[in-house]
Protein backbone atom coordinates (compact mmCIF):
# COMPACT_ATOMS: atom_id res chain seq x y z
CA MET A 1 -68.42 15.24 -32.28
CA LYS A 2 -65.93 17.35 -34.14
CA LEU A 3 -63.45 19.19 -31.89
CA PRO A 4 -63.08 22.95 -32.24
CA PHE A 5 -60.04 24.08 -34.19
CA ALA A 6 -58.12 25.16 -31.08
CA ALA A 7 -58.74 21.80 -29.36
CA ARG A 8 -57.63 19.92 -32.49
CA LEU A 9 -54.46 22.03 -32.64
CA LEU A 10 -53.69 21.23 -28.98
CA ALA A 11 -54.24 17.52 -29.57
CA VAL A 12 -51.84 17.53 -32.54
CA ALA A 13 -49.24 19.36 -30.45
CA MET A 14 -49.56 16.80 -27.64
CA LEU A 15 -49.21 13.89 -30.06
CA SER A 16 -46.13 15.51 -31.59
CA ALA A 17 -44.59 15.99 -28.16
CA THR A 18 -45.21 12.34 -27.33
CA ALA A 19 -43.66 11.23 -30.61
CA VAL A 20 -40.53 13.23 -29.81
CA ALA A 21 -40.41 12.13 -26.16
CA LEU A 22 -40.42 8.39 -26.92
CA PRO A 23 -37.19 8.35 -28.94
CA LEU A 24 -35.51 10.60 -26.36
CA SER A 25 -36.53 8.20 -23.57
CA ALA A 26 -35.19 5.25 -25.52
CA ALA A 27 -31.98 7.11 -26.21
CA HIS A 28 -31.59 7.87 -22.48
CA ALA A 29 -31.95 4.15 -21.65
CA ALA A 30 -29.40 3.27 -24.29
CA ASP A 31 -26.94 5.75 -22.75
CA LYS A 32 -26.89 3.84 -19.43
CA PRO A 33 -23.61 1.88 -19.40
CA LYS A 34 -23.76 -1.90 -19.41
CA VAL A 35 -21.07 -3.42 -17.19
CA ALA A 36 -20.08 -7.10 -17.36
CA LEU A 37 -18.56 -8.70 -14.27
CA VAL A 38 -16.65 -11.88 -15.13
CA MET A 39 -15.38 -13.87 -12.18
CA LYS A 40 -13.63 -17.14 -11.53
CA SER A 41 -15.31 -20.14 -9.90
CA LEU A 42 -18.71 -19.46 -8.36
CA ALA A 43 -18.17 -22.66 -6.35
CA ASN A 44 -15.73 -20.54 -4.32
CA GLU A 45 -17.48 -18.59 -1.57
CA PHE A 46 -15.15 -15.63 -2.16
CA PHE A 47 -16.56 -15.02 -5.64
CA LEU A 48 -20.16 -15.55 -4.55
CA THR A 49 -19.60 -12.84 -1.94
CA MET A 50 -18.02 -10.66 -4.63
CA GLU A 51 -21.04 -11.16 -6.90
CA ASP A 52 -23.50 -10.41 -4.08
CA GLY A 53 -21.63 -7.18 -3.31
CA ALA A 54 -21.73 -6.14 -6.96
CA LYS A 55 -25.46 -6.85 -7.28
CA ALA A 56 -26.24 -4.91 -4.11
CA TYR A 57 -24.22 -1.96 -5.41
CA GLN A 58 -26.02 -2.02 -8.78
CA LYS A 59 -29.38 -2.11 -7.03
CA GLU A 60 -28.41 1.03 -5.12
CA HIS A 61 -27.27 2.69 -8.38
CA ALA A 62 -29.81 1.23 -10.80
CA ALA A 63 -30.16 4.53 -12.64
CA ASP A 64 -26.41 4.69 -13.31
CA PHE A 65 -25.60 1.34 -14.94
CA ASP A 66 -26.80 -2.16 -15.78
CA LEU A 67 -24.89 -5.24 -14.59
CA ILE A 68 -24.31 -8.64 -16.15
CA SER A 69 -22.47 -11.10 -13.91
CA ASN A 70 -20.89 -14.40 -14.93
CA GLY A 71 -18.55 -16.99 -13.45
CA ILE A 72 -16.95 -20.29 -14.42
CA LYS A 73 -17.38 -23.79 -13.00
CA ASP A 74 -13.93 -24.17 -11.52
CA GLU A 75 -10.81 -22.08 -11.04
CA THR A 76 -8.86 -23.58 -13.95
CA ASP A 77 -11.53 -23.43 -16.69
CA THR A 78 -9.83 -20.70 -18.71
CA ALA A 79 -11.54 -21.77 -21.95
CA ALA A 80 -14.97 -21.16 -20.40
CA GLN A 81 -13.92 -17.72 -19.21
CA ILE A 82 -12.63 -16.83 -22.67
CA ALA A 83 -16.01 -17.89 -24.08
CA ILE A 84 -17.82 -15.64 -21.60
CA VAL A 85 -15.70 -12.63 -22.59
CA ASN A 86 -16.38 -13.33 -26.26
CA GLN A 87 -20.10 -13.42 -25.44
CA MET A 88 -19.82 -10.03 -23.70
CA ILE A 89 -18.11 -8.62 -26.79
CA VAL A 90 -21.04 -9.84 -28.94
CA GLN A 91 -23.48 -8.26 -26.48
CA LYS A 92 -21.57 -4.97 -26.86
CA VAL A 93 -21.15 -4.20 -23.18
CA ASP A 94 -19.57 -0.86 -22.37
CA ALA A 95 -17.20 -2.14 -19.69
CA LEU A 96 -15.71 -5.43 -18.56
CA VAL A 97 -14.57 -6.04 -14.98
CA ILE A 98 -12.68 -9.33 -14.88
CA ALA A 99 -10.99 -11.59 -12.34
CA PRO A 100 -8.92 -13.62 -14.82
CA ALA A 101 -8.55 -17.37 -14.38
CA ASP A 102 -5.08 -17.15 -15.93
CA SER A 103 -2.80 -14.11 -15.84
CA LYS A 104 -1.39 -14.78 -19.31
CA ALA A 105 -3.92 -16.83 -21.27
CA MET A 106 -6.73 -14.27 -20.83
CA VAL A 107 -4.79 -11.35 -22.33
CA ALA A 108 -5.56 -12.12 -25.99
CA VAL A 109 -9.35 -12.06 -25.54
CA ILE A 110 -9.08 -8.97 -23.33
CA LYS A 111 -7.25 -7.23 -26.17
CA LYS A 112 -10.11 -8.28 -28.44
CA ALA A 113 -12.54 -6.63 -26.03
CA GLU A 114 -10.51 -3.43 -25.92
CA ASP A 115 -10.28 -3.41 -29.73
CA ALA A 116 -14.11 -3.57 -29.75
CA GLY A 117 -14.20 -0.36 -27.69
CA ILE A 118 -14.91 -1.99 -24.33
CA LYS A 119 -13.29 -0.48 -21.23
CA VAL A 120 -11.56 -3.25 -19.26
CA VAL A 121 -10.68 -3.32 -15.55
CA ASN A 122 -8.70 -6.16 -13.98
CA ILE A 123 -9.59 -7.26 -10.42
CA ASP A 124 -8.48 -9.99 -7.98
CA ASN A 125 -5.72 -11.61 -10.06
CA GLN A 126 -3.39 -9.23 -11.87
CA LEU A 127 -2.76 -9.79 -15.57
CA ASP A 128 0.85 -10.40 -16.55
CA PRO A 129 2.45 -7.00 -17.30
CA ASP A 130 4.86 -8.42 -19.90
CA VAL A 131 2.09 -10.14 -21.85
CA LEU A 132 -0.02 -6.97 -21.73
CA LYS A 133 2.93 -5.01 -23.06
CA SER A 134 3.52 -7.55 -25.85
CA LYS A 135 -0.10 -7.05 -26.95
CA GLY A 136 0.25 -3.27 -26.77
CA ILE A 137 -2.53 -2.74 -24.24
CA GLU A 138 -2.88 -1.27 -20.76
CA VAL A 139 -5.43 -2.60 -18.27
CA PRO A 140 -5.69 -1.02 -14.81
CA PHE A 141 -5.54 -3.43 -11.88
CA VAL A 142 -7.85 -2.83 -8.94
CA GLY A 143 -6.96 -4.92 -5.92
CA PRO A 144 -4.84 -5.45 -2.83
CA ASP A 145 -1.12 -6.08 -2.46
CA ASN A 146 -1.29 -9.87 -2.21
CA ARG A 147 2.33 -10.21 -1.21
CA LYS A 148 1.84 -7.78 1.65
CA GLY A 149 -1.33 -9.56 2.81
CA ALA A 150 0.32 -12.98 2.79
CA LYS A 151 3.33 -11.64 4.68
CA LEU A 152 1.03 -10.27 7.38
CA VAL A 153 -0.42 -13.77 7.80
CA GLY A 154 3.02 -15.41 7.66
CA ASP A 155 4.50 -13.01 10.21
CA TYR A 156 1.69 -13.80 12.65
CA LEU A 157 2.20 -17.54 12.15
CA ALA A 158 5.94 -17.20 12.72
CA LYS A 159 5.30 -15.94 16.24
CA GLN A 160 3.75 -19.33 17.08
CA LEU A 161 6.72 -21.29 15.71
CA LYS A 162 10.45 -21.42 16.31
CA ALA A 163 13.38 -21.02 13.93
CA GLY A 164 14.08 -24.17 11.94
CA ASP A 165 10.49 -25.48 12.04
CA GLU A 166 9.29 -27.13 8.82
CA VAL A 167 6.30 -25.66 6.97
CA GLY A 168 4.47 -26.35 3.71
CA VAL A 169 2.86 -23.91 1.28
CA ILE A 170 -0.36 -24.82 -0.56
CA GLU A 171 -0.39 -22.48 -3.53
CA GLY A 172 -3.30 -21.44 -5.72
CA VAL A 173 -3.26 -21.94 -9.50
CA SER A 174 0.44 -21.54 -10.22
CA THR A 175 -0.04 -19.53 -13.43
CA THR A 176 -1.93 -16.77 -11.62
CA THR A 177 -0.20 -13.66 -10.35
CA ASN A 178 -2.08 -13.54 -7.06
CA ALA A 179 -1.06 -17.13 -6.25
CA GLN A 180 2.56 -16.29 -7.00
CA GLN A 181 2.43 -13.11 -4.93
CA ARG A 182 0.86 -14.83 -1.92
CA THR A 183 3.46 -17.59 -2.04
CA ALA A 184 6.16 -14.90 -2.21
CA GLY A 185 4.64 -13.16 0.83
CA PHE A 186 4.54 -16.40 2.80
CA LYS A 187 8.16 -17.06 1.82
CA ASP A 188 9.20 -13.54 2.86
CA ALA A 189 7.77 -14.16 6.33
CA MET A 190 9.15 -17.67 6.71
CA ASP A 191 12.62 -16.70 5.52
CA ALA A 192 12.73 -13.72 7.88
CA ALA A 193 11.81 -15.97 10.82
CA GLY A 194 14.19 -18.77 9.87
CA MET A 195 11.56 -21.38 9.02
CA LYS A 196 12.18 -24.16 6.51
CA ILE A 197 9.72 -24.45 3.62
CA VAL A 198 9.90 -28.15 2.75
CA SER A 199 7.25 -28.17 0.01
CA THR A 200 5.24 -25.80 -2.20
CA GLN A 201 2.44 -27.42 -4.21
CA SER A 202 -0.64 -26.16 -6.04
CA GLY A 203 -4.09 -26.81 -4.59
CA ASP A 204 -5.79 -25.00 -7.51
CA TRP A 205 -7.68 -22.74 -5.04
CA GLU A 206 -10.08 -25.63 -4.27
CA ILE A 207 -11.08 -27.46 -1.06
CA ASP A 208 -10.65 -31.01 -2.35
CA LYS A 209 -7.33 -30.38 -4.06
CA GLY A 210 -6.09 -28.45 -1.02
CA ASN A 211 -7.04 -31.43 1.14
CA LYS A 212 -5.13 -33.88 -1.06
CA VAL A 213 -2.02 -31.70 -1.19
CA ALA A 214 -2.07 -31.15 2.56
CA ALA A 215 -2.50 -34.88 3.26
CA ALA A 216 0.43 -35.71 0.97
CA MET A 217 2.65 -33.12 2.65
CA LEU A 218 1.80 -34.39 6.14
CA THR A 219 2.68 -37.92 5.06
CA GLN A 220 5.91 -37.02 3.28
CA TYR A 221 7.06 -34.53 5.90
CA PRO A 222 5.83 -35.79 9.29
CA ASN A 223 7.62 -32.97 11.14
CA ILE A 224 5.68 -30.17 9.41
CA LYS A 225 4.48 -27.63 11.97
CA ALA A 226 2.34 -25.44 9.73
CA LEU A 227 0.50 -25.30 6.40
CA LEU A 228 0.17 -21.93 4.66
CA ALA A 229 -2.75 -21.96 2.20
CA GLY A 230 -3.07 -19.34 -0.53
CA ASN A 231 -6.82 -19.07 0.02
CA ASP A 232 -9.37 -20.11 2.63
CA SER A 233 -10.94 -22.83 0.49
CA MET A 234 -7.62 -24.69 0.43
CA ALA A 235 -7.20 -23.93 4.15
CA VAL A 236 -10.54 -25.68 4.82
CA GLY A 237 -9.20 -28.71 2.96
CA ALA A 238 -5.96 -28.54 4.94
CA VAL A 239 -7.85 -28.47 8.26
CA SER A 240 -9.58 -31.74 7.29
CA ALA A 241 -6.25 -33.30 6.35
CA VAL A 242 -4.69 -32.26 9.66
CA ARG A 243 -7.58 -33.79 11.58
CA ALA A 244 -7.47 -37.00 9.52
CA ALA A 245 -3.74 -37.31 10.22
CA GLY A 246 -4.40 -37.04 13.96
CA LYS A 247 -2.44 -33.81 14.18
CA ALA A 248 -5.13 -31.34 15.25
CA GLY A 249 -3.52 -28.76 17.51
CA LYS A 250 -0.05 -29.86 16.43
CA VAL A 251 -0.01 -28.40 12.91
CA GLN A 252 -1.08 -24.77 12.42
CA VAL A 253 -3.12 -23.76 9.35
CA VAL A 254 -3.40 -20.27 7.87
CA GLY A 255 -5.36 -19.02 4.86
CA TYR A 256 -6.29 -15.91 2.88
CA ASP A 257 -9.67 -14.25 2.04
CA ASN A 258 -11.66 -14.35 5.31
CA ILE A 259 -14.65 -16.17 3.81
CA ASN A 260 -17.57 -17.02 6.10
CA ALA A 261 -16.66 -20.73 6.19
CA ILE A 262 -13.33 -19.95 7.84
CA LYS A 263 -14.66 -17.79 10.68
CA PRO A 264 -15.74 -20.60 13.06
CA MET A 265 -12.37 -22.26 12.41
CA LEU A 266 -10.60 -19.08 13.45
CA ASN A 267 -12.66 -18.91 16.62
CA ASP A 268 -11.95 -22.49 17.71
CA GLY A 269 -8.30 -22.48 16.65
CA ARG A 270 -8.43 -24.87 13.70
CA VAL A 271 -7.19 -21.95 11.59
CA LEU A 272 -4.72 -19.51 13.10
CA ALA A 273 -5.08 -16.53 10.76
CA THR A 274 -6.26 -15.30 7.39
CA ALA A 275 -6.27 -12.05 5.39
CA ASP A 276 -9.35 -10.00 4.58
CA GLN A 277 -9.32 -8.36 1.15
CA TYR A 278 -12.97 -7.34 1.38
CA ALA A 279 -14.60 -9.70 -1.13
CA ALA A 280 -17.93 -7.86 -1.14
CA LYS A 281 -16.18 -4.66 -2.23
CA GLN A 282 -13.67 -6.10 -4.72
CA ALA A 283 -16.02 -6.01 -7.71
CA VAL A 284 -17.50 -2.68 -6.57
CA PHE A 285 -14.06 -1.06 -6.62
CA GLY A 286 -13.62 -2.41 -10.15
CA ILE A 287 -17.07 -1.27 -11.32
CA GLU A 288 -16.45 2.23 -9.98
CA ALA A 289 -13.19 2.42 -11.92
CA ALA A 290 -14.85 1.06 -15.07
CA LEU A 291 -17.64 3.64 -14.94
CA LYS A 292 -15.05 6.40 -14.62
CA MET A 293 -13.29 5.06 -17.70
CA VAL A 294 -16.56 4.98 -19.65
CA LYS A 295 -17.11 8.62 -18.68
CA LYS A 296 -13.47 9.42 -19.54
CA GLN A 297 -12.72 10.42 -15.96
CA ASP A 298 -9.48 9.89 -14.04
CA THR A 299 -9.48 6.58 -12.13
CA GLY A 300 -6.72 7.63 -9.75
CA ALA A 301 -4.53 4.68 -10.79
CA VAL A 302 -0.84 4.92 -9.91
CA ASN A 303 1.39 3.07 -12.38
CA GLY A 304 -1.69 1.22 -13.60
CA VAL A 305 -2.77 0.10 -10.11
CA ILE A 306 -5.63 1.16 -7.84
CA GLN A 307 -4.69 -0.43 -4.54
CA THR A 308 -7.40 -1.67 -2.19
CA PRO A 309 -7.07 -2.66 1.48
CA VAL A 310 -5.98 -6.00 2.95
CA GLU A 311 -5.85 -6.76 6.68
CA LEU A 312 -4.76 -9.56 8.99
CA VAL A 313 -7.63 -11.43 10.68
CA THR A 314 -7.17 -13.65 13.74
CA LYS A 315 -9.35 -15.09 16.49
CA LYS A 316 -11.67 -12.48 18.00
């Protein structure tokens, strides 16, 4: 049956409105920023917690942004992390929040991302300021004062020791700024208390390597009274080495990160102390800063840094 003229006119108007609405809807979806979170090793509980926190935050703010999260196999696989960033550039993400595997080696590909119009925020491990300057770029760092956090842990350890005691430092990946800063914080505390650091060696942030380094230190320096690990994964490895050497209760172990695996060790004394830098919030702090940059809002950075909290954690 043929519709009356008025009804046909209304139908045409409705179809026209629909035709206009569809492109507008698509345009609205396209306007939602796409944020890439690129972490270090997802074999490390710290970064899994970071990723979980980021995903939970995106779920709560699903209308505000989309999230792509990636990580590498191990802490030293810089080439794989560079490949991930290049992939994010190809996918034309709006923002990149990255915990760089190497403070210097990652700068070139980060510049490439910035040149492609991507807003970049640095979390966890600070990029080398001199290398950034040499490339003519500025990347805000969102994270804690690692030196301060490590000193808090070292100061607490020093109260359990006496001046002149020998200690060893198990450092993270030596080319990373956060490893260097934590070692510096441990050294600040040990120097102030008159302890003797007999060895500083890299455990590459990993349990197995931390275990091997700790075992070697305990063999070479049988009078060591404490092992200061730059993260909790290496502290877990150190605890095993101390037990294997028959020195449980005689050699103190401290860490950094407050991952779940370390908590029972804190409670039973296998680990004396650690530092909590709020893993679940680390990426969230970075994402919030990145979204502000996309919207051309002030991030609140002071001298390129947005400082986040870090606190001493001991037995409850």
